[in-house]
Amino acid sequence: MNSYLTNNSTLFRDMFKPAWLIIAIFLYTSTIVLSNYIFIKPQLKQYEILDEKKSRVEAIYHQIDLTDVHEKIEILESQLQTHRNQQQLFAEKILDRQDLPLVLGELNHIVEASKLTLNYIDPLPPSAKILKKYQKLPISLRLNGKYSYFLEFLKRLEDASYWLLVDNYDINPSKNIGEYTFALTIYTIIR
């Protein structure tokens, strides 16, 4: 009987050995799947949500960055256009040497419009260079009149067709009460 039991028990053990192995594999696999479902799946979901948020933030940052770049470009283009306009204005008011009588005529007209008396006007030889291709041409003037007329004269110089810039001036009382003698040097820019 003992041998029957021994043969029977080994047979019985051999019969259940693969079953236990399959059950163990099934339990192990179930545990892995369950742990993935319980622990890893929510973590992956959270990762996907964070990755999507990161993508949106990067898109917003990129949009802001592009907006800043476009704004800076517009500002620079505006400054460039302003510079070009000023350069063109500067060039338009420059005088050719042979057009000096036009400037003297305009100065005479400005003096008359300001109600001042012109004692003399004397163009002097060209002096300092400007931007290596232009020169300052000084013009000496002596005027008589009221101080308010002189201020009007200076204002009209700003609106002249050519560059008429005050280099220096001197104001002295005149023989007539309320009037002054104005000695000034104006310069224009010539080619």
N, C-alpha and C. Protein backbone atom coordinates (compact mmCIF):
# COMPACT_ATOMS: atom_id res chain seq x y z
N MET A 1 0.79 -1.17 0.00
CA MET A 1 0.00 0.00 0.00
C MET A 1 0.85 1.27 0.00
N ASN A 2 1.92 1.18 0.61
CA ASN A 2 2.80 2.33 0.66
C ASN A 2 3.32 2.70 -0.72
N SER A 3 3.62 1.70 -1.47
CA SER A 3 4.11 2.00 -2.80
C SER A 3 2.99 2.56 -3.66
N TYR A 4 1.76 2.10 -3.41
CA TYR A 4 0.62 2.66 -4.15
C TYR A 4 0.45 4.13 -3.82
N LEU A 5 0.60 4.46 -2.55
CA LEU A 5 0.44 5.85 -2.12
C LEU A 5 1.58 6.70 -2.65
N THR A 6 2.75 6.15 -2.69
CA THR A 6 3.89 6.91 -3.16
C THR A 6 3.75 7.17 -4.65
N ASN A 7 3.36 6.16 -5.39
CA ASN A 7 3.15 6.36 -6.82
C ASN A 7 1.99 7.31 -7.07
N ASN A 8 0.96 7.11 -6.26
CA ASN A 8 -0.21 7.97 -6.38
C ASN A 8 0.11 9.42 -6.04
N SER A 9 0.90 9.64 -5.00
CA SER A 9 1.22 11.01 -4.59
C SER A 9 2.14 11.70 -5.59
N THR A 10 3.07 10.99 -6.18
CA THR A 10 3.90 11.62 -7.19
C THR A 10 3.09 11.94 -8.43
N LEU A 11 2.17 11.01 -8.75
CA LEU A 11 1.28 11.28 -9.87
C LEU A 11 0.39 12.48 -9.57
N PHE A 12 -0.11 12.45 -8.32
CA PHE A 12 -0.96 13.56 -7.89
C PHE A 12 -0.17 14.88 -7.91
N ARG A 13 1.08 14.82 -7.44
CA ARG A 13 1.93 16.02 -7.43
C ARG A 13 2.27 16.46 -8.85
N ASP A 14 2.56 15.53 -9.68
CA ASP A 14 2.88 15.86 -11.07
C ASP A 14 1.68 16.45 -11.78
N MET A 15 0.51 15.97 -11.40
CA MET A 15 -0.70 16.46 -12.03
C MET A 15 -0.97 17.92 -11.65
N PHE A 16 -0.71 18.28 -10.41
CA PHE A 16 -0.99 19.65 -9.97
C PHE A 16 0.18 20.61 -10.13
N LYS A 17 1.32 20.16 -10.44
CA LYS A 17 2.49 21.02 -10.60
C LYS A 17 2.29 22.03 -11.73
N PRO A 18 1.93 21.66 -12.94
CA PRO A 18 1.71 22.67 -13.97
C PRO A 18 0.54 23.57 -13.66
N ALA A 19 -0.46 23.05 -13.00
CA ALA A 19 -1.62 23.88 -12.65
C ALA A 19 -1.22 24.97 -11.68
N TRP A 20 -0.41 24.60 -10.69
CA TRP A 20 0.04 25.63 -9.74
C TRP A 20 0.94 26.65 -10.42
N LEU A 21 1.71 26.15 -11.34
CA LEU A 21 2.58 27.06 -12.09
C LEU A 21 1.74 28.04 -12.92
N ILE A 22 0.71 27.54 -13.54
CA ILE A 22 -0.19 28.39 -14.34
C ILE A 22 -0.93 29.36 -13.42
N ILE A 23 -1.36 28.87 -12.28
CA ILE A 23 -2.06 29.75 -11.32
C ILE A 23 -1.10 30.82 -10.82
N ALA A 24 0.13 30.46 -10.55
CA ALA A 24 1.12 31.44 -10.07
C ALA A 24 1.39 32.49 -11.15
N ILE A 25 1.53 32.02 -12.40
CA ILE A 25 1.75 32.97 -13.50
C ILE A 25 0.55 33.89 -13.66
N PHE A 26 -0.64 33.30 -13.55
CA PHE A 26 -1.87 34.09 -13.67
C PHE A 26 -1.95 35.12 -12.55
N LEU A 27 -1.64 34.70 -11.31
CA LEU A 27 -1.67 35.64 -10.19
C LEU A 27 -0.62 36.75 -10.35
N TYR A 28 0.55 36.38 -10.80
CA TYR A 28 1.62 37.37 -11.02
C TYR A 28 1.20 38.38 -12.11
N THR A 29 0.68 37.84 -13.21
CA THR A 29 0.24 38.71 -14.30
C THR A 29 -0.92 39.59 -13.86
N SER A 30 -1.83 39.02 -13.12
CA SER A 30 -2.98 39.79 -12.61
C SER A 30 -2.51 40.90 -11.68
N THR A 31 -1.54 40.58 -10.84
CA THR A 31 -1.00 41.58 -9.92
C THR A 31 -0.33 42.71 -10.69
N ILE A 32 0.44 42.38 -11.73
CA ILE A 32 1.10 43.39 -12.55
C ILE A 32 0.05 44.26 -13.25
N VAL A 33 -0.92 43.61 -13.86
CA VAL A 33 -1.97 44.36 -14.58
C VAL A 33 -2.73 45.24 -13.62
N LEU A 34 -3.08 44.69 -12.46
CA LEU A 34 -3.83 45.47 -11.47
C LEU A 34 -2.99 46.64 -10.96
N SER A 35 -1.70 46.39 -10.70
CA SER A 35 -0.86 47.51 -10.24
C SER A 35 -0.69 48.55 -11.35
N ASN A 36 -0.58 48.11 -12.60
CA ASN A 36 -0.53 49.07 -13.72
C ASN A 36 -1.82 49.88 -13.77
N TYR A 37 -2.91 49.21 -13.61
CA TYR A 37 -4.20 49.88 -13.70
C TYR A 37 -4.41 50.83 -12.52
N ILE A 38 -3.98 50.42 -11.34
CA ILE A 38 -4.22 51.23 -10.14
C ILE A 38 -3.16 52.32 -9.99
N PHE A 39 -1.89 52.01 -10.24
CA PHE A 39 -0.82 52.97 -9.95
C PHE A 39 -0.25 53.66 -11.20
N ILE A 40 0.08 52.91 -12.19
CA ILE A 40 0.79 53.46 -13.35
C ILE A 40 -0.15 54.19 -14.30
N LYS A 41 -1.33 53.64 -14.51
CA LYS A 41 -2.28 54.27 -15.44
C LYS A 41 -2.62 55.70 -15.03
N PRO A 42 -2.95 55.96 -13.75
CA PRO A 42 -3.21 57.37 -13.36
C PRO A 42 -1.98 58.26 -13.53
N GLN A 43 -0.79 57.68 -13.28
CA GLN A 43 0.43 58.46 -13.46
C GLN A 43 0.63 58.83 -14.93
N LEU A 44 0.36 57.88 -15.83
CA LEU A 44 0.46 58.15 -17.26
C LEU A 44 -0.57 59.19 -17.68
N LYS A 45 -1.77 59.08 -17.14
CA LYS A 45 -2.81 60.06 -17.45
C LYS A 45 -2.36 61.45 -16.98
N GLN A 46 -1.81 61.53 -15.78
CA GLN A 46 -1.31 62.80 -15.24
C GLN A 46 -0.17 63.33 -16.11
N TYR A 47 0.70 62.46 -16.56
CA TYR A 47 1.79 62.86 -17.45
C TYR A 47 1.26 63.43 -18.76
N GLU A 48 0.26 62.77 -19.33
CA GLU A 48 -0.33 63.27 -20.57
C GLU A 48 -0.97 64.64 -20.38
N ILE A 49 -1.65 64.83 -19.25
CA ILE A 49 -2.27 66.13 -18.95
C ILE A 49 -1.19 67.20 -18.81
N LEU A 50 -0.12 66.88 -18.06
CA LEU A 50 0.96 67.85 -17.88
C LEU A 50 1.68 68.14 -19.18
N ASP A 51 1.86 67.11 -20.01
CA ASP A 51 2.50 67.31 -21.31
C ASP A 51 1.64 68.22 -22.19
N GLU A 52 0.34 68.04 -22.16
CA GLU A 52 -0.56 68.90 -22.94
C GLU A 52 -0.50 70.35 -22.43
N LYS A 53 -0.49 70.53 -21.11
CA LYS A 53 -0.38 71.87 -20.53
C LYS A 53 0.95 72.52 -20.91
N LYS A 54 2.02 71.72 -20.87
CA LYS A 54 3.33 72.23 -21.26
C LYS A 54 3.31 72.69 -22.71
N SER A 55 2.69 71.90 -23.58
CA SER A 55 2.60 72.27 -25.00
C SER A 55 1.83 73.58 -25.17
N ARG A 56 0.73 73.74 -24.41
CA ARG A 56 -0.05 74.98 -24.51
C ARG A 56 0.75 76.18 -24.00
N VAL A 57 1.47 75.99 -22.90
CA VAL A 57 2.28 77.09 -22.36
C VAL A 57 3.39 77.46 -23.34
N GLU A 58 4.03 76.46 -23.95
CA GLU A 58 5.07 76.74 -24.94
C GLU A 58 4.49 77.48 -26.14
N ALA A 59 3.27 77.09 -26.56
CA ALA A 59 2.63 77.78 -27.68
C ALA A 59 2.34 79.24 -27.32
N ILE A 60 1.86 79.45 -26.09
CA ILE A 60 1.58 80.83 -25.64
C ILE A 60 2.88 81.62 -25.57
N TYR A 61 3.93 81.01 -25.02
CA TYR A 61 5.22 81.69 -24.93
C TYR A 61 5.74 82.02 -26.32
N HIS A 62 5.63 81.07 -27.23
CA HIS A 62 6.08 81.30 -28.60
C HIS A 62 5.28 82.43 -29.24
N GLN A 63 3.97 82.47 -29.00
CA GLN A 63 3.13 83.53 -29.55
C GLN A 63 3.52 84.88 -28.96
N ILE A 64 3.76 84.91 -27.64
CA ILE A 64 4.19 86.16 -27.00
C ILE A 64 5.53 86.59 -27.55
N ASP A 65 6.44 85.64 -27.68
CA ASP A 65 7.77 85.94 -28.20
C ASP A 65 7.68 86.50 -29.62
N LEU A 66 6.85 85.89 -30.47
CA LEU A 66 6.68 86.39 -31.84
C LEU A 66 6.05 87.78 -31.84
N THR A 67 5.08 88.00 -30.93
CA THR A 67 4.44 89.31 -30.84
C THR A 67 5.47 90.36 -30.47
N ASP A 68 6.33 90.04 -29.48
CA ASP A 68 7.37 90.99 -29.09
C ASP A 68 8.32 91.28 -30.25
N VAL A 69 8.67 90.24 -30.98
CA VAL A 69 9.58 90.43 -32.12
C VAL A 69 8.92 91.33 -33.17
N HIS A 70 7.65 91.07 -33.46
CA HIS A 70 6.94 91.89 -34.45
C HIS A 70 6.83 93.34 -33.98
N GLU A 71 6.54 93.54 -32.70
CA GLU A 71 6.46 94.90 -32.16
C GLU A 71 7.81 95.60 -32.26
N LYS A 72 8.87 94.90 -31.92
CA LYS A 72 10.21 95.50 -32.01
C LYS A 72 10.55 95.85 -33.45
N ILE A 73 10.21 94.96 -34.38
CA ILE A 73 10.47 95.23 -35.79
C ILE A 73 9.69 96.45 -36.24
N GLU A 74 8.42 96.56 -35.83
CA GLU A 74 7.62 97.73 -36.20
C GLU A 74 8.21 99.01 -35.63
N ILE A 75 8.68 98.96 -34.40
CA ILE A 75 9.30 100.14 -33.77
C ILE A 75 10.56 100.52 -34.53
N LEU A 76 11.39 99.53 -34.85
CA LEU A 76 12.63 99.82 -35.59
C LEU A 76 12.34 100.36 -36.98
N GLU A 77 11.33 99.80 -37.66
CA GLU A 77 10.95 100.31 -38.98
C GLU A 77 10.45 101.74 -38.88
N SER A 78 9.68 102.04 -37.83
CA SER A 78 9.20 103.40 -37.63
C SER A 78 10.36 104.36 -37.39
N GLN A 79 11.31 103.95 -36.57
CA GLN A 79 12.48 104.79 -36.31
C GLN A 79 13.31 104.98 -37.58
N LEU A 80 13.43 103.92 -38.37
CA LEU A 80 14.17 104.02 -39.62
C LEU A 80 13.48 104.99 -40.58
N GLN A 81 12.15 104.93 -40.65
CA GLN A 81 11.41 105.84 -41.52
C GLN A 81 11.57 107.28 -41.02
N THR A 82 11.52 107.49 -39.72
CA THR A 82 11.72 108.83 -39.16
C THR A 82 13.12 109.33 -39.52
N HIS A 83 14.10 108.48 -39.39
CA HIS A 83 15.48 108.85 -39.73
C HIS A 83 15.58 109.22 -41.21
N ARG A 84 14.96 108.42 -42.07
CA ARG A 84 14.99 108.72 -43.51
C ARG A 84 14.30 110.04 -43.81
N ASN A 85 13.17 110.30 -43.13
CA ASN A 85 12.46 111.57 -43.33
C ASN A 85 13.33 112.75 -42.91
N GLN A 86 14.00 112.61 -41.77
CA GLN A 86 14.87 113.69 -41.30
C GLN A 86 16.06 113.87 -42.24
N GLN A 87 16.58 112.78 -42.74
CA GLN A 87 17.70 112.87 -43.68
C GLN A 87 17.25 113.58 -44.97
N GLN A 88 16.06 113.25 -45.42
CA GLN A 88 15.54 113.89 -46.63
C GLN A 88 15.28 115.38 -46.38
N LEU A 89 14.72 115.71 -45.21
CA LEU A 89 14.49 117.11 -44.86
C LEU A 89 15.82 117.86 -44.80
N PHE A 90 16.82 117.24 -44.20
CA PHE A 90 18.13 117.87 -44.12
C PHE A 90 18.67 118.14 -45.52
N ALA A 91 18.58 117.15 -46.39
CA ALA A 91 19.13 117.28 -47.76
C ALA A 91 18.36 118.32 -48.57
N GLU A 92 17.05 118.44 -48.36
CA GLU A 92 16.25 119.40 -49.12
C GLU A 92 16.61 120.84 -48.79
N LYS A 93 17.07 121.11 -47.60
CA LYS A 93 17.38 122.47 -47.18
C LYS A 93 18.83 122.87 -47.44
N ILE A 94 19.61 121.97 -48.03
CA ILE A 94 21.01 122.28 -48.33
C ILE A 94 21.07 123.08 -49.61
N LEU A 95 21.96 124.00 -49.63
CA LEU A 95 22.09 124.98 -50.70
C LEU A 95 23.29 124.67 -51.59
N ASP A 96 23.13 124.88 -52.89
CA ASP A 96 24.29 124.82 -53.80
C ASP A 96 25.01 126.16 -53.72
N ARG A 97 26.32 126.16 -53.94
CA ARG A 97 27.12 127.40 -53.84
C ARG A 97 26.58 128.51 -54.73
N GLN A 98 26.15 128.15 -55.93
CA GLN A 98 25.69 129.18 -56.86
C GLN A 98 24.33 129.77 -56.45
N ASP A 99 23.64 129.17 -55.47
CA ASP A 99 22.32 129.66 -55.05
C ASP A 99 22.41 130.59 -53.83
N LEU A 100 23.57 131.08 -53.50
CA LEU A 100 23.73 131.99 -52.36
C LEU A 100 22.83 133.21 -52.46
N PRO A 101 22.61 133.81 -53.65
CA PRO A 101 21.71 134.96 -53.72
C PRO A 101 20.27 134.62 -53.27
N LEU A 102 19.85 133.38 -53.45
CA LEU A 102 18.51 132.98 -52.98
C LEU A 102 18.42 133.06 -51.45
N VAL A 103 19.48 132.64 -50.78
CA VAL A 103 19.50 132.70 -49.31
C VAL A 103 19.52 134.15 -48.85
N LEU A 104 20.34 134.97 -49.48
CA LEU A 104 20.41 136.39 -49.09
C LEU A 104 19.07 137.07 -49.32
N GLY A 105 18.41 136.73 -50.42
CA GLY A 105 17.08 137.29 -50.68
C GLY A 105 16.07 136.84 -49.63
N GLU A 106 16.13 135.57 -49.25
CA GLU A 106 15.19 135.08 -48.22
C GLU A 106 15.49 135.73 -46.88
N LEU A 107 16.77 135.92 -46.54
CA LEU A 107 17.11 136.61 -45.30
C LEU A 107 16.57 138.04 -45.30
N ASN A 108 16.73 138.73 -46.41
CA ASN A 108 16.22 140.09 -46.54
C ASN A 108 14.70 140.10 -46.35
N HIS A 109 14.01 139.14 -46.95
CA HIS A 109 12.55 139.05 -46.82
C HIS A 109 12.14 138.78 -45.36
N ILE A 110 12.88 137.91 -44.67
CA ILE A 110 12.58 137.59 -43.27
C ILE A 110 12.78 138.83 -42.40
N VAL A 111 13.84 139.60 -42.67
CA VAL A 111 14.10 140.83 -41.89
C VAL A 111 12.95 141.82 -42.09
N GLU A 112 12.51 142.00 -43.33
CA GLU A 112 11.40 142.93 -43.60
C GLU A 112 10.11 142.44 -42.96
N ALA A 113 9.81 141.15 -43.03
CA ALA A 113 8.59 140.61 -42.44
C ALA A 113 8.60 140.72 -40.92
N SER A 114 9.77 140.75 -40.32
CA SER A 114 9.90 140.88 -38.87
C SER A 114 9.91 142.33 -38.42
N LYS A 115 9.83 143.27 -39.34
CA LYS A 115 9.81 144.71 -39.06
C LYS A 115 11.12 145.22 -38.48
N LEU A 116 12.21 144.55 -38.78
CA LEU A 116 13.53 145.02 -38.35
C LEU A 116 14.16 145.83 -39.48
N THR A 117 15.17 146.61 -39.12
CA THR A 117 15.93 147.37 -40.11
C THR A 117 17.26 146.66 -40.34
N LEU A 118 17.57 146.37 -41.59
CA LEU A 118 18.81 145.69 -41.94
C LEU A 118 19.88 146.74 -42.19
N ASN A 119 20.94 146.72 -41.37
CA ASN A 119 22.06 147.66 -41.55
C ASN A 119 23.06 147.10 -42.55
N TYR A 120 23.41 145.83 -42.42
CA TYR A 120 24.26 145.21 -43.43
C TYR A 120 24.11 143.69 -43.34
N ILE A 121 24.48 143.06 -44.45
CA ILE A 121 24.49 141.60 -44.57
C ILE A 121 25.77 141.24 -45.33
N ASP A 122 26.57 140.32 -44.79
CA ASP A 122 27.87 140.03 -45.39
C ASP A 122 28.15 138.53 -45.32
N PRO A 123 28.12 137.84 -46.48
CA PRO A 123 28.51 136.42 -46.47
C PRO A 123 30.02 136.30 -46.24
N LEU A 124 30.40 135.38 -45.38
CA LEU A 124 31.80 135.16 -45.05
C LEU A 124 32.28 133.90 -45.77
N PRO A 125 33.57 133.65 -45.82
CA PRO A 125 34.08 132.44 -46.49
C PRO A 125 33.59 131.17 -45.76
N PRO A 126 33.39 130.08 -46.51
CA PRO A 126 32.94 128.82 -45.89
C PRO A 126 33.91 128.37 -44.80
N SER A 127 33.36 127.74 -43.78
CA SER A 127 34.21 127.30 -42.66
C SER A 127 34.12 125.78 -42.49
N ALA A 128 33.76 125.33 -41.35
CA ALA A 128 33.84 123.91 -40.97
C ALA A 128 33.07 122.97 -41.90
N LYS A 129 33.60 121.76 -41.99
CA LYS A 129 32.94 120.70 -42.78
C LYS A 129 31.86 120.03 -41.92
N ILE A 130 30.80 119.62 -42.60
CA ILE A 130 29.72 118.87 -41.95
C ILE A 130 29.54 117.57 -42.74
N LEU A 131 29.62 116.45 -42.05
CA LEU A 131 29.45 115.12 -42.67
C LEU A 131 30.37 114.91 -43.88
N LYS A 132 31.51 115.52 -43.89
CA LYS A 132 32.57 115.37 -44.89
C LYS A 132 32.19 115.83 -46.30
N LYS A 133 30.94 116.18 -46.56
CA LYS A 133 30.60 116.63 -47.91
C LYS A 133 29.86 117.96 -47.94
N TYR A 134 29.60 118.56 -46.81
CA TYR A 134 28.94 119.85 -46.74
C TYR A 134 29.82 120.82 -45.97
N GLN A 135 29.54 122.12 -46.15
CA GLN A 135 30.28 123.15 -45.43
C GLN A 135 29.32 124.16 -44.83
N LYS A 136 29.78 124.75 -43.72
CA LYS A 136 29.03 125.85 -43.12
C LYS A 136 29.44 127.14 -43.82
N LEU A 137 28.46 127.92 -44.22
CA LEU A 137 28.72 129.22 -44.83
C LEU A 137 28.15 130.30 -43.90
N PRO A 138 29.02 130.98 -43.15
CA PRO A 138 28.54 132.01 -42.22
C PRO A 138 28.09 133.27 -42.96
N ILE A 139 27.08 133.92 -42.40
CA ILE A 139 26.57 135.19 -42.93
C ILE A 139 26.44 136.13 -41.73
N SER A 140 27.11 137.27 -41.83
CA SER A 140 27.08 138.25 -40.75
C SER A 140 25.97 139.26 -41.02
N LEU A 141 25.19 139.58 -39.98
CA LEU A 141 24.07 140.54 -40.10
C LEU A 141 24.14 141.56 -38.97
N ARG A 142 23.65 142.75 -39.27
CA ARG A 142 23.45 143.76 -38.22
C ARG A 142 22.05 144.30 -38.44
N LEU A 143 21.23 144.22 -37.37
CA LEU A 143 19.82 144.63 -37.43
C LEU A 143 19.52 145.63 -36.34
N ASN A 144 18.48 146.45 -36.56
CA ASN A 144 17.98 147.38 -35.55
C ASN A 144 16.48 147.15 -35.41
N GLY A 145 15.99 147.29 -34.17
CA GLY A 145 14.55 147.18 -33.95
C GLY A 145 14.24 146.76 -32.52
N LYS A 146 12.97 146.52 -32.29
CA LYS A 146 12.52 146.11 -30.95
C LYS A 146 12.87 144.65 -30.70
N TYR A 147 12.96 144.33 -29.43
CA TYR A 147 13.31 142.96 -29.04
C TYR A 147 12.25 141.96 -29.52
N SER A 148 10.98 142.34 -29.44
CA SER A 148 9.91 141.44 -29.89
C SER A 148 10.03 141.16 -31.39
N TYR A 149 10.51 142.17 -32.15
CA TYR A 149 10.71 141.96 -33.59
C TYR A 149 11.85 140.97 -33.83
N PHE A 150 12.88 141.05 -32.98
CA PHE A 150 14.00 140.13 -33.10
C PHE A 150 13.55 138.69 -32.83
N LEU A 151 12.68 138.52 -31.82
CA LEU A 151 12.14 137.18 -31.54
C LEU A 151 11.33 136.66 -32.73
N GLU A 152 10.58 137.55 -33.37
CA GLU A 152 9.82 137.18 -34.57
C GLU A 152 10.79 136.77 -35.69
N PHE A 153 11.89 137.50 -35.82
CA PHE A 153 12.91 137.18 -36.81
C PHE A 153 13.46 135.77 -36.58
N LEU A 154 13.80 135.45 -35.33
CA LEU A 154 14.34 134.13 -35.00
C LEU A 154 13.32 133.03 -35.31
N LYS A 155 12.05 133.30 -35.03
CA LYS A 155 11.01 132.31 -35.32
C LYS A 155 10.90 132.07 -36.82
N ARG A 156 10.97 133.14 -37.60
CA ARG A 156 10.87 133.00 -39.06
C ARG A 156 12.09 132.28 -39.65
N LEU A 157 13.23 132.38 -38.99
CA LEU A 157 14.41 131.65 -39.46
C LEU A 157 14.16 130.13 -39.44
N GLU A 158 13.40 129.67 -38.44
CA GLU A 158 13.10 128.24 -38.34
C GLU A 158 12.31 127.74 -39.55
N ASP A 159 11.45 128.60 -40.09
CA ASP A 159 10.57 128.19 -41.19
C ASP A 159 11.16 128.50 -42.56
N ALA A 160 12.42 128.88 -42.62
CA ALA A 160 13.04 129.25 -43.90
C ALA A 160 13.18 128.03 -44.81
N SER A 161 13.29 128.30 -46.10
CA SER A 161 13.43 127.23 -47.10
C SER A 161 14.81 126.58 -47.05
N TYR A 162 15.78 127.28 -46.51
CA TYR A 162 17.15 126.79 -46.44
C TYR A 162 17.56 126.75 -44.98
N TRP A 163 18.69 126.09 -44.71
CA TRP A 163 19.21 126.09 -43.35
C TRP A 163 19.72 127.49 -43.02
N LEU A 164 19.09 128.13 -42.06
CA LEU A 164 19.52 129.43 -41.54
C LEU A 164 19.58 129.27 -40.03
N LEU A 165 20.76 128.92 -39.55
CA LEU A 165 20.95 128.61 -38.14
C LEU A 165 21.78 129.69 -37.47
N VAL A 166 21.37 130.09 -36.29
CA VAL A 166 22.07 131.14 -35.55
C VAL A 166 23.32 130.54 -34.91
N ASP A 167 24.47 131.14 -35.24
CA ASP A 167 25.73 130.68 -34.68
C ASP A 167 26.02 131.44 -33.38
N ASN A 168 25.89 132.77 -33.43
CA ASN A 168 26.05 133.59 -32.24
C ASN A 168 25.39 134.94 -32.49
N TYR A 169 25.12 135.66 -31.41
CA TYR A 169 24.52 136.99 -31.55
C TYR A 169 24.91 137.85 -30.35
N ASP A 170 24.76 139.15 -30.56
CA ASP A 170 25.07 140.13 -29.53
C ASP A 170 23.98 141.19 -29.56
N ILE A 171 23.47 141.57 -28.41
CA ILE A 171 22.40 142.57 -28.34
C ILE A 171 22.91 143.77 -27.55
N ASN A 172 22.77 144.95 -28.16
CA ASN A 172 23.18 146.19 -27.51
C ASN A 172 22.05 147.21 -27.62
N PRO A 173 21.91 148.07 -26.61
CA PRO A 173 20.89 149.12 -26.71
C PRO A 173 21.21 150.08 -27.85
N SER A 174 20.16 150.55 -28.49
CA SER A 174 20.32 151.47 -29.61
C SER A 174 20.18 152.90 -29.10
N LYS A 175 20.41 153.86 -30.00
CA LYS A 175 20.23 155.27 -29.63
C LYS A 175 18.75 155.57 -29.39
N ASN A 176 17.88 154.90 -30.12
CA ASN A 176 16.44 155.10 -29.95
C ASN A 176 15.95 154.29 -28.76
N ILE A 177 15.09 154.89 -27.97
CA ILE A 177 14.56 154.22 -26.76
C ILE A 177 13.68 153.04 -27.17
N GLY A 178 13.89 151.90 -26.49
CA GLY A 178 13.09 150.70 -26.76
C GLY A 178 13.59 149.90 -27.94
N GLU A 179 14.67 150.35 -28.57
CA GLU A 179 15.21 149.62 -29.70
C GLU A 179 16.62 149.13 -29.37
N TYR A 180 17.02 148.08 -30.10
CA TYR A 180 18.32 147.47 -29.87
C TYR A 180 19.02 147.26 -31.20
N THR A 181 20.34 147.09 -31.09
CA THR A 181 21.13 146.71 -32.26
C THR A 181 21.51 145.24 -32.07
N PHE A 182 21.19 144.45 -33.08
CA PHE A 182 21.45 143.01 -33.02
C PHE A 182 22.54 142.67 -34.03
N ALA A 183 23.68 142.21 -33.52
CA ALA A 183 24.76 141.74 -34.39
C ALA A 183 24.78 140.22 -34.27
N LEU A 184 24.59 139.54 -35.39
CA LEU A 184 24.55 138.09 -35.31
C LEU A 184 25.22 137.44 -36.51
N THR A 185 25.63 136.22 -36.28
CA THR A 185 26.19 135.40 -37.37
C THR A 185 25.26 134.21 -37.54
N ILE A 186 24.79 134.10 -38.77
CA ILE A 186 23.92 133.00 -39.15
C ILE A 186 24.73 132.14 -40.11
N TYR A 187 24.50 130.86 -40.10
CA TYR A 187 25.17 130.06 -41.13
C TYR A 187 24.15 129.20 -41.85
N THR A 188 24.47 128.93 -43.08
CA THR A 188 23.70 128.03 -43.90
C THR A 188 24.63 126.89 -44.29
N ILE A 189 24.07 125.83 -44.82
CA ILE A 189 24.86 124.67 -45.22
C ILE A 189 24.88 124.59 -46.73
N ILE A 190 26.07 124.47 -47.29
CA ILE A 190 26.22 124.41 -48.75
C ILE A 190 26.89 123.11 -49.16
N ARG A 191 26.66 122.76 -50.44
CA ARG A 191 27.32 121.57 -51.00
C ARG A 191 28.71 121.93 -51.48
